[in-house]
Amino acid sequence: MQKRRRRTKMLSVICLVLGGSALVPGMAAPRDPILILAGAVGIFFGLFRLYGTQKPGKRFQIPAKTLLNKLFTFTGHTAVRITFSDAGMVLEDIHAGMPENRRPIPYPSFECIIECSDLYLLAYSGNGLILPKCCQISGTPEQLRAALSPKTCYLLL
């Protein structure tokens, strides 16, 4: 990135010098309007690229920070129970306790399951779900891996 910035500055200075060397003789002998135009264009592009190569400001810092804060905060206080069976995964709202709040997700709809050192990332039907390993109530990570590996694309990182 720094080499590109240095190269852009150098090329813009060269463009300024060449534009100035074309503009001054063109203004001294105004018989050739193409020389004046070429000099003006060279100076314009040189200035434009020279001042356009400033270091990027922190204009994306605040939106990125708010996006990350929204990502790790929960809007509702819903407790979800996730169970794995032979047919697939079932998401269930614990507080509701009604059968319509159970959402079955069959194994063919899973794109992949990624196991990291402290969490699982489940990608299914264009959605994603992050499950911390510390929330696993029954079984071990090895048992879950053995159960899900033959049925889905399972990656261990």
C-alpha atoms as a PDB file:
ATOM      1  CA  MET A   1       0.000   0.000   0.000  1.00  0.00           C
ATOM      2  CA  GLN A   2       2.826   2.365   0.836  1.00  0.00           C
ATOM      3  CA  LYS A   3       4.645   1.594  -2.439  1.00  0.00           C
ATOM      4  CA  ARG A   4       1.480   2.299  -4.398  1.00  0.00           C
ATOM      5  CA  ARG A   5       0.974   5.597  -2.600  1.00  0.00           C
ATOM      6  CA  ARG A   6       4.589   6.612  -3.242  1.00  0.00           C
ATOM      7  CA  ARG A   7       4.328   5.620  -6.921  1.00  0.00           C
ATOM      8  CA  THR A   8       1.093   7.605  -7.318  1.00  0.00           C
ATOM      9  CA  LYS A   9       2.682  10.677  -5.742  1.00  0.00           C
ATOM     10  CA  MET A  10       5.705  10.371  -7.995  1.00  0.00           C
ATOM     11  CA  LEU A  11       3.586   9.995 -11.138  1.00  0.00           C
ATOM     12  CA  SER A  12       1.402  12.947 -10.171  1.00  0.00           C
ATOM     13  CA  VAL A  13       4.485  15.146  -9.652  1.00  0.00           C
ATOM     14  CA  ILE A  14       5.813  14.047 -13.059  1.00  0.00           C
ATOM     15  CA  CYS A  15       2.416  14.864 -14.572  1.00  0.00           C
ATOM     16  CA  LEU A  16       2.510  18.315 -12.927  1.00  0.00           C
ATOM     17  CA  VAL A  17       6.020  19.016 -14.240  1.00  0.00           C
ATOM     18  CA  LEU A  18       5.182  17.877 -17.772  1.00  0.00           C
ATOM     19  CA  GLY A  19       1.906  19.802 -17.708  1.00  0.00           C
ATOM     20  CA  GLY A  20       3.702  22.938 -16.570  1.00  0.00           C
ATOM     21  CA  SER A  21       6.410  22.514 -19.196  1.00  0.00           C
ATOM     22  CA  ALA A  22       3.712  22.215 -21.868  1.00  0.00           C
ATOM     23  CA  LEU A  23       1.521  25.032 -20.547  1.00  0.00           C
ATOM     24  CA  VAL A  24       4.235  27.709 -20.216  1.00  0.00           C
ATOM     25  CA  PRO A  25       5.465  27.527 -23.870  1.00  0.00           C
ATOM     26  CA  GLY A  26       1.879  27.223 -25.039  1.00  0.00           C
ATOM     27  CA  MET A  27       0.952  30.432 -23.223  1.00  0.00           C
ATOM     28  CA  ALA A  28       4.101  32.201 -24.489  1.00  0.00           C
ATOM     29  CA  ALA A  29       3.294  31.401 -28.112  1.00  0.00           C
ATOM     30  CA  PRO A  30      -0.482  30.980 -28.285  1.00  0.00           C
ATOM     31  CA  ARG A  31      -0.369  29.651 -31.840  1.00  0.00           C
ATOM     32  CA  ASP A  32      -0.784  26.058 -30.672  1.00  0.00           C
ATOM     33  CA  PRO A  33      -3.954  25.565 -28.569  1.00  0.00           C
ATOM     34  CA  ILE A  34      -3.302  21.814 -28.271  1.00  0.00           C
ATOM     35  CA  LEU A  35      -0.154  22.531 -26.245  1.00  0.00           C
ATOM     36  CA  ILE A  36      -2.139  24.772 -23.878  1.00  0.00           C
ATOM     37  CA  LEU A  37      -4.851  22.131 -23.533  1.00  0.00           C
ATOM     38  CA  ALA A  38      -2.328  19.330 -22.926  1.00  0.00           C
ATOM     39  CA  GLY A  39      -0.545  21.414 -20.285  1.00  0.00           C
ATOM     40  CA  ALA A  40      -3.796  22.274 -18.511  1.00  0.00           C
ATOM     41  CA  VAL A  41      -4.930  18.638 -18.545  1.00  0.00           C
ATOM     42  CA  GLY A  42      -1.546  17.487 -17.210  1.00  0.00           C
ATOM     43  CA  ILE A  43      -1.646  20.011 -14.372  1.00  0.00           C
ATOM     44  CA  PHE A  44      -5.258  19.142 -13.591  1.00  0.00           C
ATOM     45  CA  PHE A  45      -4.605  15.391 -13.406  1.00  0.00           C
ATOM     46  CA  GLY A  46      -1.395  15.928 -11.465  1.00  0.00           C
ATOM     47  CA  LEU A  47      -3.150  18.033  -8.831  1.00  0.00           C
ATOM     48  CA  PHE A  48      -6.154  15.733  -8.768  1.00  0.00           C
ATOM     49  CA  ARG A  49      -4.051  12.607  -8.175  1.00  0.00           C
ATOM     50  CA  LEU A  50      -1.720  14.364  -5.745  1.00  0.00           C
ATOM     51  CA  TYR A  51      -4.504  15.555  -3.461  1.00  0.00           C
ATOM     52  CA  GLY A  52      -6.589  12.436  -4.050  1.00  0.00           C
ATOM     53  CA  THR A  53      -3.894  10.230  -2.518  1.00  0.00           C
ATOM     54  CA  GLN A  54      -4.278  11.463   1.021  1.00  0.00           C
ATOM     55  CA  LYS A  55      -4.400   8.800   3.692  1.00  0.00           C
ATOM     56  CA  PRO A  56      -7.922   7.516   4.156  1.00  0.00           C
ATOM     57  CA  GLY A  57      -9.671   9.111   7.067  1.00  0.00           C
ATOM     58  CA  LYS A  58     -11.506   7.403   9.838  1.00  0.00           C
ATOM     59  CA  ARG A  59     -14.858   7.783   8.142  1.00  0.00           C
ATOM     60  CA  PHE A  60     -15.496   4.032   8.248  1.00  0.00           C
ATOM     61  CA  GLN A  61     -14.387   3.541  11.839  1.00  0.00           C
ATOM     62  CA  ILE A  62     -17.641   4.660  13.462  1.00  0.00           C
ATOM     63  CA  PRO A  63     -19.997   2.644  11.194  1.00  0.00           C
ATOM     64  CA  ALA A  64     -17.772  -0.426  11.558  1.00  0.00           C
ATOM     65  CA  LYS A  65     -17.757  -0.069  15.320  1.00  0.00           C
ATOM     66  CA  THR A  66     -21.551   0.233  15.508  1.00  0.00           C
ATOM     67  CA  LEU A  67     -21.951  -2.757  13.185  1.00  0.00           C
ATOM     68  CA  LEU A  68     -19.694  -4.896  15.368  1.00  0.00           C
ATOM     69  CA  ASN A  69     -21.488  -3.745  18.513  1.00  0.00           C
ATOM     70  CA  LYS A  70     -24.839  -4.712  16.988  1.00  0.00           C
ATOM     71  CA  LEU A  71     -23.416  -8.068  15.999  1.00  0.00           C
ATOM     72  CA  PHE A  72     -22.498  -9.023  19.547  1.00  0.00           C
ATOM     73  CA  THR A  73     -25.555  -7.635  21.330  1.00  0.00           C
ATOM     74  CA  PHE A  74     -28.844  -9.441  21.474  1.00  0.00           C
ATOM     75  CA  THR A  75     -32.070  -7.507  21.001  1.00  0.00           C
ATOM     76  CA  GLY A  76     -34.321  -9.995  22.712  1.00  0.00           C
ATOM     77  CA  HIS A  77     -33.838 -12.275  25.659  1.00  0.00           C
ATOM     78  CA  THR A  78     -34.861 -15.494  23.985  1.00  0.00           C
ATOM     79  CA  ALA A  79     -33.381 -18.696  25.232  1.00  0.00           C
ATOM     80  CA  VAL A  80     -32.897 -21.217  22.471  1.00  0.00           C
ATOM     81  CA  ARG A  81     -32.367 -24.934  22.802  1.00  0.00           C
ATOM     82  CA  ILE A  82     -30.675 -26.692  19.916  1.00  0.00           C
ATOM     83  CA  THR A  83     -30.917 -30.435  19.609  1.00  0.00           C
ATOM     84  CA  PHE A  84     -29.470 -32.771  17.009  1.00  0.00           C
ATOM     85  CA  SER A  85     -31.311 -35.900  15.935  1.00  0.00           C
ATOM     86  CA  ASP A  86     -31.025 -38.412  13.102  1.00  0.00           C
ATOM     87  CA  ALA A  87     -33.265 -36.232  10.908  1.00  0.00           C
ATOM     88  CA  GLY A  88     -31.580 -32.892  11.515  1.00  0.00           C
ATOM     89  CA  MET A  89     -31.204 -29.998  13.904  1.00  0.00           C
ATOM     90  CA  VAL A  90     -34.127 -28.529  15.846  1.00  0.00           C
ATOM     91  CA  LEU A  91     -34.172 -24.919  17.076  1.00  0.00           C
ATOM     92  CA  GLU A  92     -36.614 -24.440  19.933  1.00  0.00           C
ATOM     93  CA  ASP A  93     -37.579 -21.355  21.931  1.00  0.00           C
ATOM     94  CA  ILE A  94     -37.453 -22.524  25.551  1.00  0.00           C
ATOM     95  CA  HIS A  95     -39.687 -19.823  27.040  1.00  0.00           C
ATOM     96  CA  ALA A  96     -42.498 -20.224  24.526  1.00  0.00           C
ATOM     97  CA  GLY A  97     -42.874 -23.965  24.989  1.00  0.00           C
ATOM     98  CA  MET A  98     -45.251 -24.276  22.032  1.00  0.00           C
ATOM     99  CA  PRO A  99     -44.721 -26.754  19.197  1.00  0.00           C
ATOM    100  CA  GLU A 100     -44.954 -24.028  16.542  1.00  0.00           C
ATOM    101  CA  ASN A 101     -41.794 -22.470  17.984  1.00  0.00           C
ATOM    102  CA  ARG A 102     -39.815 -25.588  17.084  1.00  0.00           C
ATOM    103  CA  ARG A 103     -37.984 -25.160  13.813  1.00  0.00           C
ATOM    104  CA  PRO A 104     -36.541 -28.328  12.280  1.00  0.00           C
ATOM    105  CA  ILE A 105     -33.585 -27.955   9.924  1.00  0.00           C
ATOM    106  CA  PRO A 106     -32.773 -31.123   7.947  1.00  0.00           C
ATOM    107  CA  TYR A 107     -29.160 -32.084   7.338  1.00  0.00           C
ATOM    108  CA  PRO A 108     -29.335 -31.673   3.515  1.00  0.00           C
ATOM    109  CA  SER A 109     -29.967 -27.933   4.007  1.00  0.00           C
ATOM    110  CA  PHE A 110     -26.596 -27.519   5.780  1.00  0.00           C
ATOM    111  CA  GLU A 111     -23.846 -25.976   3.677  1.00  0.00           C
ATOM    112  CA  CYS A 112     -21.166 -26.753   6.250  1.00  0.00           C
ATOM    113  CA  ILE A 113     -20.376 -26.984   9.936  1.00  0.00           C
ATOM    114  CA  ILE A 114     -17.072 -25.512  11.085  1.00  0.00           C
ATOM    115  CA  GLU A 115     -15.639 -26.449  14.463  1.00  0.00           C
ATOM    116  CA  CYS A 116     -13.125 -24.038  15.988  1.00  0.00           C
ATOM    117  CA  SER A 117     -11.339 -24.275  19.307  1.00  0.00           C
ATOM    118  CA  ASP A 118     -14.170 -22.700  21.290  1.00  0.00           C
ATOM    119  CA  LEU A 119     -17.220 -22.546  18.997  1.00  0.00           C
ATOM    120  CA  TYR A 120     -19.176 -24.094  16.159  1.00  0.00           C
ATOM    121  CA  LEU A 121     -20.254 -22.199  13.051  1.00  0.00           C
ATOM    122  CA  LEU A 122     -23.282 -23.730  11.345  1.00  0.00           C
ATOM    123  CA  ALA A 123     -24.152 -22.525   7.845  1.00  0.00           C
ATOM    124  CA  TYR A 124     -27.560 -23.645   6.596  1.00  0.00           C
ATOM    125  CA  SER A 125     -29.999 -22.378   3.945  1.00  0.00           C
ATOM    126  CA  GLY A 126     -28.155 -19.070   3.593  1.00  0.00           C
ATOM    127  CA  ASN A 127     -28.181 -18.489   7.370  1.00  0.00           C
ATOM    128  CA  GLY A 128     -25.464 -18.815   9.941  1.00  0.00           C
ATOM    129  CA  LEU A 129     -25.466 -19.786  13.581  1.00  0.00           C
ATOM    130  CA  ILE A 130     -22.635 -19.496  16.082  1.00  0.00           C
ATOM    131  CA  LEU A 131     -22.704 -21.963  18.963  1.00  0.00           C
ATOM    132  CA  PRO A 132     -20.172 -21.580  21.773  1.00  0.00           C
ATOM    133  CA  LYS A 133     -18.803 -24.899  23.006  1.00  0.00           C
ATOM    134  CA  CYS A 134     -19.271 -23.797  26.601  1.00  0.00           C
ATOM    135  CA  CYS A 135     -23.059 -23.938  26.059  1.00  0.00           C
ATOM    136  CA  GLN A 136     -23.004 -27.625  25.135  1.00  0.00           C
ATOM    137  CA  ILE A 137     -25.072 -29.356  27.827  1.00  0.00           C
ATOM    138  CA  SER A 138     -24.812 -33.028  26.946  1.00  0.00           C
ATOM    139  CA  GLY A 139     -22.224 -35.009  25.064  1.00  0.00           C
ATOM    140  CA  THR A 140     -18.712 -34.088  24.081  1.00  0.00           C
ATOM    141  CA  PRO A 141     -17.387 -32.271  21.030  1.00  0.00           C
ATOM    142  CA  GLU A 142     -15.971 -35.593  19.792  1.00  0.00           C
ATOM    143  CA  GLN A 143     -19.413 -37.233  19.988  1.00  0.00           C
ATOM    144  CA  LEU A 144     -21.011 -34.325  18.118  1.00  0.00           C
ATOM    145  CA  ARG A 145     -18.275 -34.458  15.479  1.00  0.00           C
ATOM    146  CA  ALA A 146     -18.757 -38.218  15.052  1.00  0.00           C
ATOM    147  CA  ALA A 147     -22.527 -37.786  14.702  1.00  0.00           C
ATOM    148  CA  LEU A 148     -22.449 -34.873  12.234  1.00  0.00           C
ATOM    149  CA  SER A 149     -19.426 -35.719  10.058  1.00  0.00           C
ATOM    150  CA  PRO A 150     -21.116 -38.370   7.899  1.00  0.00           C
ATOM    151  CA  LYS A 151     -24.273 -36.282   7.411  1.00  0.00           C
ATOM    152  CA  THR A 152     -22.844 -32.844   6.593  1.00  0.00           C
ATOM    153  CA  CYS A 153     -19.731 -31.100   5.354  1.00  0.00           C
ATOM    154  CA  TYR A 154     -17.837 -30.901   8.648  1.00  0.00           C
ATOM    155  CA  LEU A 155     -14.607 -28.907   8.921  1.00  0.00           C
ATOM    156  CA  LEU A 156     -12.327 -28.973  11.925  1.00  0.00           C
ATOM    157  CA  LEU A 157     -10.097 -25.920  12.318  1.00  0.00           C
END
